[in-house]
Amino acid sequence: MTALPRTGIGVDTHAYAPADTPAPLWLAGLHWPGERGLAGHSDGDAVAHAAADALFSAAGAGDLGAHFGTDRPEFKGASGVTLLAEAARIVRAAGYDIGNIAVQFVGNRPKFAPRRGEAEAALGRAAGAPVSVSATTSDGLGFTGRGEGITAIATALVVRVERGDGSLEP
């Protein structure tokens, strides 16, 4: 039996942290000094979170909330790359190889292009697979356009691993 690729999608949205309780900005596995951080149970890294959710979706392995939700206090404040690495481990343990992950970051800031390569490398190390990240604004429309927060949308490609006898991993 030939294993066909499976695709998944993940979306994550975070509001900026309130001005009276500032937080550092972690996005795409990188710290962005001088930028207003995001609110969230973990570090609020919407790019890494969307990538992890896309992996779970592709493998049919639940979602970010099921694995790292607010009912899991050990993940409070966890870095996005830690969650992405754990998601990749879970997906591989379920019998899948990861082909790639692509993420689209939607927000007015930070200016992403100058650090794209650095971000892709950090996320790729965490996932153990190629990760590409593109960025766009929303032309001043909606909550991202008003500067209230950001969104990230990701897709992932996984393939069921074949055993030596030609059958598929469980």
N, C-alpha and C. Protein backbone atom coordinates (compact mmCIF):
# COMPACT_ATOMS: atom_id res chain seq x y z
N MET A 1 0.84 -1.17 0.00
CA MET A 1 0.00 0.00 0.00
C MET A 1 0.89 1.24 0.00
N THR A 2 0.62 2.15 -0.90
CA THR A 2 1.37 3.40 -0.96
C THR A 2 0.73 4.43 -0.04
N ALA A 3 1.54 5.06 0.75
CA ALA A 3 1.04 6.10 1.65
C ALA A 3 0.87 7.40 0.88
N LEU A 4 -0.30 7.96 0.93
CA LEU A 4 -0.55 9.25 0.30
C LEU A 4 -0.26 10.36 1.30
N PRO A 5 0.19 11.51 0.80
CA PRO A 5 0.41 12.63 1.71
C PRO A 5 -0.91 13.10 2.32
N ARG A 6 -0.81 13.65 3.50
CA ARG A 6 -1.95 14.24 4.17
C ARG A 6 -1.61 15.69 4.47
N THR A 7 -2.58 16.57 4.30
CA THR A 7 -2.37 17.98 4.59
C THR A 7 -3.21 18.40 5.78
N GLY A 8 -2.74 19.39 6.48
CA GLY A 8 -3.49 19.94 7.60
C GLY A 8 -3.38 21.44 7.60
N ILE A 9 -4.30 22.07 8.29
CA ILE A 9 -4.31 23.53 8.40
C ILE A 9 -4.39 23.91 9.87
N GLY A 10 -3.72 24.98 10.23
CA GLY A 10 -3.77 25.51 11.58
C GLY A 10 -3.87 27.02 11.55
N VAL A 11 -4.66 27.57 12.44
CA VAL A 11 -4.83 29.01 12.55
C VAL A 11 -4.66 29.39 14.01
N ASP A 12 -3.93 30.46 14.27
CA ASP A 12 -3.80 30.94 15.65
C ASP A 12 -3.85 32.45 15.64
N THR A 13 -4.54 32.99 16.62
CA THR A 13 -4.73 34.43 16.75
C THR A 13 -4.44 34.83 18.19
N HIS A 14 -3.70 35.90 18.36
CA HIS A 14 -3.45 36.43 19.70
C HIS A 14 -3.58 37.94 19.68
N ALA A 15 -4.18 38.47 20.74
CA ALA A 15 -4.24 39.92 20.94
C ALA A 15 -2.92 40.36 21.54
N TYR A 16 -2.60 41.62 21.33
CA TYR A 16 -1.43 42.18 22.01
C TYR A 16 -1.71 42.24 23.51
N ALA A 17 -0.70 42.03 24.31
CA ALA A 17 -0.83 42.11 25.76
C ALA A 17 -1.25 43.53 26.14
N PRO A 18 -2.06 43.65 27.20
CA PRO A 18 -2.47 44.99 27.64
C PRO A 18 -1.25 45.85 27.99
N ALA A 19 -1.38 47.14 27.75
CA ALA A 19 -0.27 48.07 28.01
C ALA A 19 0.12 48.08 29.49
N ASP A 20 -0.84 47.81 30.39
CA ASP A 20 -0.52 47.83 31.81
C ASP A 20 0.12 46.53 32.31
N THR A 21 0.14 45.49 31.46
CA THR A 21 0.84 44.24 31.79
C THR A 21 1.65 43.81 30.57
N PRO A 22 2.70 44.54 30.26
CA PRO A 22 3.47 44.27 29.04
C PRO A 22 4.14 42.89 29.06
N ALA A 23 4.36 42.39 27.87
CA ALA A 23 5.04 41.11 27.69
C ALA A 23 6.01 41.25 26.54
N PRO A 24 7.08 40.45 26.54
CA PRO A 24 7.99 40.47 25.38
C PRO A 24 7.30 39.82 24.17
N LEU A 25 7.68 40.26 22.98
CA LEU A 25 7.12 39.64 21.78
C LEU A 25 7.99 38.47 21.35
N TRP A 26 7.37 37.30 21.30
CA TRP A 26 7.97 36.10 20.72
C TRP A 26 7.14 35.74 19.51
N LEU A 27 7.76 35.69 18.35
CA LEU A 27 7.05 35.39 17.12
C LEU A 27 7.96 34.59 16.21
N ALA A 28 7.46 33.49 15.69
CA ALA A 28 8.22 32.61 14.80
C ALA A 28 9.50 32.11 15.47
N GLY A 29 9.41 31.88 16.77
CA GLY A 29 10.56 31.35 17.51
C GLY A 29 11.61 32.38 17.87
N LEU A 30 11.35 33.65 17.58
CA LEU A 30 12.33 34.71 17.82
C LEU A 30 11.81 35.74 18.80
N HIS A 31 12.72 36.31 19.58
CA HIS A 31 12.38 37.44 20.43
C HIS A 31 12.53 38.71 19.60
N TRP A 32 11.55 39.61 19.73
CA TRP A 32 11.54 40.85 18.97
C TRP A 32 11.65 42.02 19.96
N PRO A 33 12.87 42.39 20.36
CA PRO A 33 13.05 43.46 21.34
C PRO A 33 12.37 44.76 20.89
N GLY A 34 11.79 45.46 21.86
CA GLY A 34 11.16 46.74 21.58
C GLY A 34 9.77 46.65 21.01
N GLU A 35 9.27 45.43 20.74
CA GLU A 35 7.93 45.25 20.20
C GLU A 35 6.99 44.80 21.32
N ARG A 36 5.75 45.22 21.24
CA ARG A 36 4.73 44.83 22.22
C ARG A 36 4.41 43.35 22.05
N GLY A 37 4.40 42.63 23.16
CA GLY A 37 4.17 41.19 23.14
C GLY A 37 2.70 40.83 23.04
N LEU A 38 2.46 39.54 22.94
CA LEU A 38 1.11 39.01 22.76
C LEU A 38 0.62 38.34 24.04
N ALA A 39 -0.67 38.38 24.25
CA ALA A 39 -1.29 37.72 25.39
C ALA A 39 -1.51 36.25 25.04
N GLY A 40 -1.39 35.38 26.02
CA GLY A 40 -1.64 33.96 25.78
C GLY A 40 -1.26 33.10 26.96
N HIS A 41 -1.72 31.84 26.92
CA HIS A 41 -1.39 30.87 27.97
C HIS A 41 0.11 30.56 27.96
N SER A 42 0.66 30.44 26.73
CA SER A 42 2.10 30.23 26.60
C SER A 42 2.72 31.57 26.25
N ASP A 43 3.70 31.60 25.35
CA ASP A 43 4.33 32.87 24.99
C ASP A 43 3.57 33.66 23.93
N GLY A 44 2.47 33.11 23.43
CA GLY A 44 1.66 33.81 22.44
C GLY A 44 2.22 33.78 21.03
N ASP A 45 3.20 32.93 20.75
CA ASP A 45 3.83 32.87 19.43
C ASP A 45 2.86 32.24 18.42
N ALA A 46 2.03 33.08 17.83
CA ALA A 46 0.99 32.60 16.92
C ALA A 46 1.55 31.85 15.71
N VAL A 47 2.72 32.22 15.23
CA VAL A 47 3.31 31.54 14.07
C VAL A 47 3.67 30.10 14.44
N ALA A 48 4.37 29.91 15.55
CA ALA A 48 4.72 28.55 15.98
C ALA A 48 3.48 27.75 16.34
N HIS A 49 2.50 28.39 16.96
CA HIS A 49 1.27 27.69 17.35
C HIS A 49 0.49 27.22 16.14
N ALA A 50 0.37 28.07 15.12
CA ALA A 50 -0.34 27.67 13.91
C ALA A 50 0.37 26.51 13.22
N ALA A 51 1.70 26.54 13.21
CA ALA A 51 2.48 25.45 12.62
C ALA A 51 2.21 24.13 13.36
N ALA A 52 2.20 24.19 14.69
CA ALA A 52 1.93 22.98 15.48
C ALA A 52 0.52 22.47 15.21
N ASP A 53 -0.46 23.38 15.16
CA ASP A 53 -1.83 22.97 14.90
C ASP A 53 -1.99 22.35 13.52
N ALA A 54 -1.26 22.86 12.53
CA ALA A 54 -1.32 22.28 11.18
C ALA A 54 -0.78 20.85 11.19
N LEU A 55 0.28 20.61 11.96
CA LEU A 55 0.81 19.24 12.08
C LEU A 55 -0.23 18.31 12.69
N PHE A 56 -0.85 18.75 13.79
CA PHE A 56 -1.88 17.93 14.43
C PHE A 56 -3.02 17.65 13.46
N SER A 57 -3.45 18.66 12.72
CA SER A 57 -4.53 18.50 11.75
C SER A 57 -4.17 17.48 10.66
N ALA A 58 -2.97 17.59 10.13
CA ALA A 58 -2.55 16.69 9.06
C ALA A 58 -2.51 15.23 9.52
N ALA A 59 -2.09 15.02 10.76
CA ALA A 59 -1.97 13.66 11.28
C ALA A 59 -3.27 13.16 11.92
N GLY A 60 -4.28 14.01 12.00
CA GLY A 60 -5.51 13.63 12.67
C GLY A 60 -5.28 13.39 14.16
N ALA A 61 -4.42 14.21 14.76
CA ALA A 61 -3.97 14.00 16.14
C ALA A 61 -4.47 15.09 17.09
N GLY A 62 -5.69 15.56 16.88
CA GLY A 62 -6.23 16.57 17.78
C GLY A 62 -5.82 17.96 17.38
N ASP A 63 -5.68 18.82 18.38
CA ASP A 63 -5.32 20.20 18.11
C ASP A 63 -4.50 20.77 19.26
N LEU A 64 -4.10 22.01 19.10
CA LEU A 64 -3.23 22.68 20.07
C LEU A 64 -3.84 22.67 21.47
N GLY A 65 -5.13 22.99 21.57
CA GLY A 65 -5.80 23.02 22.86
C GLY A 65 -5.84 21.67 23.54
N ALA A 66 -6.03 20.61 22.75
CA ALA A 66 -6.09 19.26 23.32
C ALA A 66 -4.75 18.86 23.93
N HIS A 67 -3.66 19.30 23.33
CA HIS A 67 -2.34 18.90 23.79
C HIS A 67 -1.71 19.88 24.78
N PHE A 68 -1.97 21.19 24.60
CA PHE A 68 -1.27 22.20 25.38
C PHE A 68 -2.20 23.24 26.00
N GLY A 69 -3.48 22.93 26.16
CA GLY A 69 -4.48 23.89 26.60
C GLY A 69 -4.29 24.42 28.01
N THR A 70 -5.17 25.32 28.38
CA THR A 70 -5.11 25.96 29.69
C THR A 70 -5.30 24.97 30.83
N ASP A 71 -5.83 23.78 30.51
CA ASP A 71 -5.95 22.74 31.54
C ASP A 71 -4.62 22.02 31.77
N ARG A 72 -3.58 22.43 31.05
CA ARG A 72 -2.24 21.85 31.18
C ARG A 72 -1.30 22.93 31.73
N PRO A 73 -1.30 23.12 33.06
CA PRO A 73 -0.51 24.22 33.64
C PRO A 73 0.99 24.11 33.37
N GLU A 74 1.48 22.92 33.05
CA GLU A 74 2.91 22.78 32.77
C GLU A 74 3.33 23.52 31.50
N PHE A 75 2.34 23.90 30.66
CA PHE A 75 2.66 24.62 29.44
C PHE A 75 2.45 26.12 29.56
N LYS A 76 2.06 26.61 30.74
CA LYS A 76 1.88 28.04 30.94
C LYS A 76 3.24 28.72 30.73
N GLY A 77 3.28 29.68 29.83
CA GLY A 77 4.50 30.40 29.54
C GLY A 77 5.49 29.68 28.64
N ALA A 78 5.13 28.48 28.16
CA ALA A 78 6.04 27.70 27.30
C ALA A 78 6.32 28.45 25.99
N SER A 79 7.50 28.25 25.46
CA SER A 79 7.85 28.89 24.19
C SER A 79 7.16 28.17 23.03
N GLY A 80 6.88 28.95 22.00
CA GLY A 80 6.25 28.38 20.81
C GLY A 80 7.09 27.29 20.16
N VAL A 81 8.41 27.46 20.17
CA VAL A 81 9.26 26.43 19.57
C VAL A 81 9.24 25.15 20.40
N THR A 82 9.07 25.26 21.71
CA THR A 82 8.93 24.07 22.55
C THR A 82 7.66 23.33 22.17
N LEU A 83 6.56 24.07 21.99
CA LEU A 83 5.29 23.44 21.61
C LEU A 83 5.38 22.83 20.21
N LEU A 84 6.03 23.52 19.28
CA LEU A 84 6.18 22.99 17.93
C LEU A 84 7.02 21.72 17.93
N ALA A 85 8.10 21.71 18.69
CA ALA A 85 8.95 20.51 18.77
C ALA A 85 8.17 19.35 19.37
N GLU A 86 7.37 19.61 20.39
CA GLU A 86 6.57 18.54 21.00
C GLU A 86 5.47 18.07 20.04
N ALA A 87 4.87 18.99 19.29
CA ALA A 87 3.87 18.60 18.29
C ALA A 87 4.51 17.69 17.24
N ALA A 88 5.70 18.05 16.78
CA ALA A 88 6.40 17.22 15.79
C ALA A 88 6.70 15.84 16.36
N ARG A 89 7.09 15.78 17.62
CA ARG A 89 7.35 14.49 18.26
C ARG A 89 6.08 13.64 18.32
N ILE A 90 4.97 14.25 18.68
CA ILE A 90 3.68 13.54 18.77
C ILE A 90 3.27 13.01 17.40
N VAL A 91 3.42 13.84 16.38
CA VAL A 91 3.04 13.45 15.01
C VAL A 91 3.93 12.30 14.52
N ARG A 92 5.21 12.38 14.80
CA ARG A 92 6.10 11.27 14.40
C ARG A 92 5.77 10.00 15.18
N ALA A 93 5.46 10.13 16.46
CA ALA A 93 5.10 8.96 17.27
C ALA A 93 3.81 8.32 16.76
N ALA A 94 2.96 9.12 16.10
CA ALA A 94 1.73 8.59 15.52
C ALA A 94 1.97 7.90 14.17
N GLY A 95 3.25 7.89 13.72
CA GLY A 95 3.60 7.17 12.50
C GLY A 95 3.71 8.00 11.25
N TYR A 96 3.99 9.29 11.39
CA TYR A 96 4.09 10.17 10.23
C TYR A 96 5.47 10.81 10.12
N ASP A 97 5.90 10.99 8.88
CA ASP A 97 7.05 11.84 8.57
C ASP A 97 6.49 13.21 8.20
N ILE A 98 7.24 14.25 8.51
CA ILE A 98 6.81 15.61 8.19
C ILE A 98 7.52 16.05 6.92
N GLY A 99 6.72 16.42 5.91
CA GLY A 99 7.28 16.91 4.66
C GLY A 99 7.71 18.36 4.77
N ASN A 100 6.77 19.23 5.11
CA ASN A 100 7.07 20.65 5.29
C ASN A 100 5.90 21.34 5.97
N ILE A 101 6.18 22.55 6.42
CA ILE A 101 5.16 23.42 7.02
C ILE A 101 5.33 24.79 6.38
N ALA A 102 4.21 25.41 6.01
CA ALA A 102 4.22 26.78 5.48
C ALA A 102 3.30 27.62 6.35
N VAL A 103 3.76 28.81 6.73
CA VAL A 103 2.98 29.68 7.60
C VAL A 103 2.87 31.07 6.98
N GLN A 104 1.68 31.64 7.06
CA GLN A 104 1.43 33.03 6.65
C GLN A 104 1.13 33.84 7.90
N PHE A 105 1.96 34.83 8.20
CA PHE A 105 1.77 35.73 9.33
C PHE A 105 1.01 36.96 8.84
N VAL A 106 -0.08 37.34 9.55
CA VAL A 106 -0.88 38.50 9.17
C VAL A 106 -0.83 39.50 10.32
N GLY A 107 -0.23 40.65 10.08
CA GLY A 107 -0.15 41.69 11.10
C GLY A 107 0.63 42.88 10.58
N ASN A 108 0.44 44.01 11.23
CA ASN A 108 1.13 45.24 10.83
C ASN A 108 2.57 45.29 11.32
N ARG A 109 2.85 44.59 12.41
CA ARG A 109 4.18 44.59 12.97
C ARG A 109 4.40 43.30 13.70
N PRO A 110 5.61 42.88 13.89
CA PRO A 110 6.84 43.57 13.51
C PRO A 110 7.11 43.43 12.01
N LYS A 111 8.03 44.23 11.51
CA LYS A 111 8.45 44.09 10.11
C LYS A 111 9.19 42.77 10.03
N PHE A 112 8.62 41.85 9.29
CA PHE A 112 9.07 40.46 9.33
C PHE A 112 10.22 40.13 8.36
N ALA A 113 10.20 40.72 7.19
CA ALA A 113 11.14 40.34 6.13
C ALA A 113 12.61 40.31 6.55
N PRO A 114 13.10 41.29 7.33
CA PRO A 114 14.52 41.26 7.68
C PRO A 114 14.95 40.04 8.52
N ARG A 115 13.98 39.36 9.17
CA ARG A 115 14.35 38.23 10.02
C ARG A 115 13.75 36.90 9.53
N ARG A 116 13.23 36.90 8.30
CA ARG A 116 12.58 35.71 7.75
C ARG A 116 13.49 34.48 7.81
N GLY A 117 14.70 34.58 7.33
CA GLY A 117 15.61 33.43 7.32
C GLY A 117 15.89 32.90 8.71
N GLU A 118 16.10 33.82 9.64
CA GLU A 118 16.34 33.44 11.04
C GLU A 118 15.12 32.72 11.62
N ALA A 119 13.92 33.24 11.32
CA ALA A 119 12.68 32.62 11.81
C ALA A 119 12.48 31.23 11.21
N GLU A 120 12.70 31.11 9.91
CA GLU A 120 12.52 29.80 9.26
C GLU A 120 13.50 28.78 9.83
N ALA A 121 14.71 29.20 10.12
CA ALA A 121 15.70 28.29 10.70
C ALA A 121 15.28 27.85 12.10
N ALA A 122 14.81 28.79 12.93
CA ALA A 122 14.39 28.44 14.30
C ALA A 122 13.21 27.48 14.29
N LEU A 123 12.23 27.75 13.45
CA LEU A 123 11.05 26.88 13.37
C LEU A 123 11.41 25.53 12.75
N GLY A 124 12.29 25.53 11.75
CA GLY A 124 12.72 24.28 11.11
C GLY A 124 13.46 23.38 12.07
N ARG A 125 14.31 23.97 12.92
CA ARG A 125 15.00 23.18 13.94
C ARG A 125 13.99 22.55 14.90
N ALA A 126 13.00 23.32 15.31
CA ALA A 126 12.00 22.82 16.25
C ALA A 126 11.18 21.69 15.64
N ALA A 127 10.78 21.85 14.38
CA ALA A 127 9.93 20.85 13.72
C ALA A 127 10.74 19.68 13.16
N GLY A 128 12.03 19.89 12.95
CA GLY A 128 12.83 18.86 12.30
C GLY A 128 12.42 18.66 10.85
N ALA A 129 11.97 19.75 10.23
CA ALA A 129 11.48 19.71 8.84
C ALA A 129 11.54 21.13 8.28
N PRO A 130 11.49 21.27 6.95
CA PRO A 130 11.50 22.60 6.36
C PRO A 130 10.26 23.40 6.75
N VAL A 131 10.48 24.67 7.11
CA VAL A 131 9.38 25.59 7.44
C VAL A 131 9.62 26.87 6.65
N SER A 132 8.58 27.32 5.95
CA SER A 132 8.66 28.62 5.27
C SER A 132 7.63 29.55 5.91
N VAL A 133 7.99 30.82 5.99
CA VAL A 133 7.10 31.81 6.60
C VAL A 133 7.00 33.00 5.66
N SER A 134 5.77 33.39 5.35
CA SER A 134 5.54 34.61 4.60
C SER A 134 4.73 35.55 5.49
N ALA A 135 4.72 36.82 5.16
CA ALA A 135 4.03 37.80 5.99
C ALA A 135 3.27 38.78 5.11
N THR A 136 2.18 39.28 5.66
CA THR A 136 1.38 40.28 4.98
C THR A 136 0.67 41.14 6.01
N THR A 137 0.19 42.28 5.56
CA THR A 137 -0.67 43.10 6.40
C THR A 137 -2.10 42.86 5.94
N SER A 138 -3.05 43.47 6.63
CA SER A 138 -4.44 43.34 6.21
C SER A 138 -4.98 44.68 5.71
N ASP A 139 -4.07 45.52 5.20
CA ASP A 139 -4.42 46.82 4.61
C ASP A 139 -5.29 47.67 5.52
N GLY A 140 -5.00 47.61 6.82
CA GLY A 140 -5.72 48.45 7.77
C GLY A 140 -7.10 47.92 8.14
N LEU A 141 -7.46 46.74 7.66
CA LEU A 141 -8.80 46.20 7.93
C LEU A 141 -8.79 45.23 9.09
N GLY A 142 -9.87 45.15 9.82
CA GLY A 142 -10.04 44.18 10.90
C GLY A 142 -9.13 44.43 12.08
N PHE A 143 -9.14 43.47 13.02
CA PHE A 143 -8.35 43.65 14.26
C PHE A 143 -6.86 43.71 13.99
N THR A 144 -6.36 42.97 12.97
CA THR A 144 -4.93 43.06 12.68
C THR A 144 -4.60 44.43 12.10
N GLY A 145 -5.48 44.94 11.27
CA GLY A 145 -5.27 46.27 10.68
C GLY A 145 -5.33 47.38 11.70
N ARG A 146 -6.15 47.20 12.73
CA ARG A 146 -6.25 48.20 13.80
C ARG A 146 -5.12 48.04 14.81
N GLY A 147 -4.26 47.05 14.64
CA GLY A 147 -3.13 46.85 15.55
C GLY A 147 -3.51 46.24 16.88
N GLU A 148 -4.61 45.47 16.91
CA GLU A 148 -5.07 44.85 18.15
C GLU A 148 -4.44 43.48 18.39
N GLY A 149 -3.91 42.87 17.35
CA GLY A 149 -3.31 41.54 17.48
C GLY A 149 -2.83 41.04 16.14
N ILE A 150 -2.51 39.74 16.11
CA ILE A 150 -2.02 39.12 14.88
C ILE A 150 -2.70 37.76 14.68
N THR A 151 -2.58 37.25 13.47
CA THR A 151 -3.07 35.92 13.11
C THR A 151 -1.98 35.22 12.31
N ALA A 152 -1.94 33.93 12.43
CA ALA A 152 -1.07 33.12 11.58
C ALA A 152 -1.88 31.94 11.07
N ILE A 153 -1.66 31.60 9.81
CA ILE A 153 -2.35 30.50 9.14
C ILE A 153 -1.26 29.58 8.60
N ALA A 154 -1.38 28.29 8.88
CA ALA A 154 -0.33 27.36 8.46
C ALA A 154 -0.92 26.13 7.78
N THR A 155 -0.12 25.55 6.91
CA THR A 155 -0.42 24.25 6.32
C THR A 155 0.77 23.34 6.59
N ALA A 156 0.47 22.06 6.68
CA ALA A 156 1.54 21.07 6.88
C ALA A 156 1.27 19.87 6.00
N LEU A 157 2.33 19.24 5.57
CA LEU A 157 2.26 18.02 4.78
C LEU A 157 2.95 16.91 5.56
N VAL A 158 2.23 15.82 5.76
CA VAL A 158 2.81 14.65 6.43
C VAL A 158 2.51 13.41 5.58
N VAL A 159 3.32 12.38 5.78
CA VAL A 159 3.13 11.11 5.07
C VAL A 159 3.28 9.98 6.08
N ARG A 160 2.36 9.03 6.03
CA ARG A 160 2.41 7.86 6.91
C ARG A 160 3.68 7.08 6.59
N VAL A 161 4.40 6.67 7.62
CA VAL A 161 5.64 5.93 7.47
C VAL A 161 5.33 4.47 7.17
N GLU A 162 6.02 3.92 6.17
CA GLU A 162 5.85 2.50 5.86
C GLU A 162 6.85 1.68 6.65
N ARG A 163 6.40 0.53 7.12
CA ARG A 163 7.30 -0.42 7.80
C ARG A 163 8.08 -1.19 6.75
N GLY A 164 9.06 -1.93 7.18
CA GLY A 164 9.89 -2.72 6.28
C GLY A 164 9.09 -3.75 5.48
N ASP A 165 7.95 -4.22 6.00
CA ASP A 165 7.15 -5.23 5.30
C ASP A 165 6.14 -4.61 4.33
N GLY A 166 6.22 -3.28 4.15
CA GLY A 166 5.33 -2.60 3.21
C GLY A 166 4.04 -2.11 3.83
N SER A 167 3.74 -2.52 5.05
CA SER A 167 2.54 -2.03 5.70
C SER A 167 2.84 -0.67 6.33
N LEU A 168 1.79 0.02 6.70
CA LEU A 168 1.94 1.36 7.25
C LEU A 168 2.03 1.31 8.77
N GLU A 169 2.79 2.26 9.32
CA GLU A 169 2.87 2.40 10.78
C GLU A 169 1.47 2.60 11.33
N PRO A 170 1.25 2.24 12.57
CA PRO A 170 -0.10 2.42 13.14
C PRO A 170 -0.50 3.86 13.23
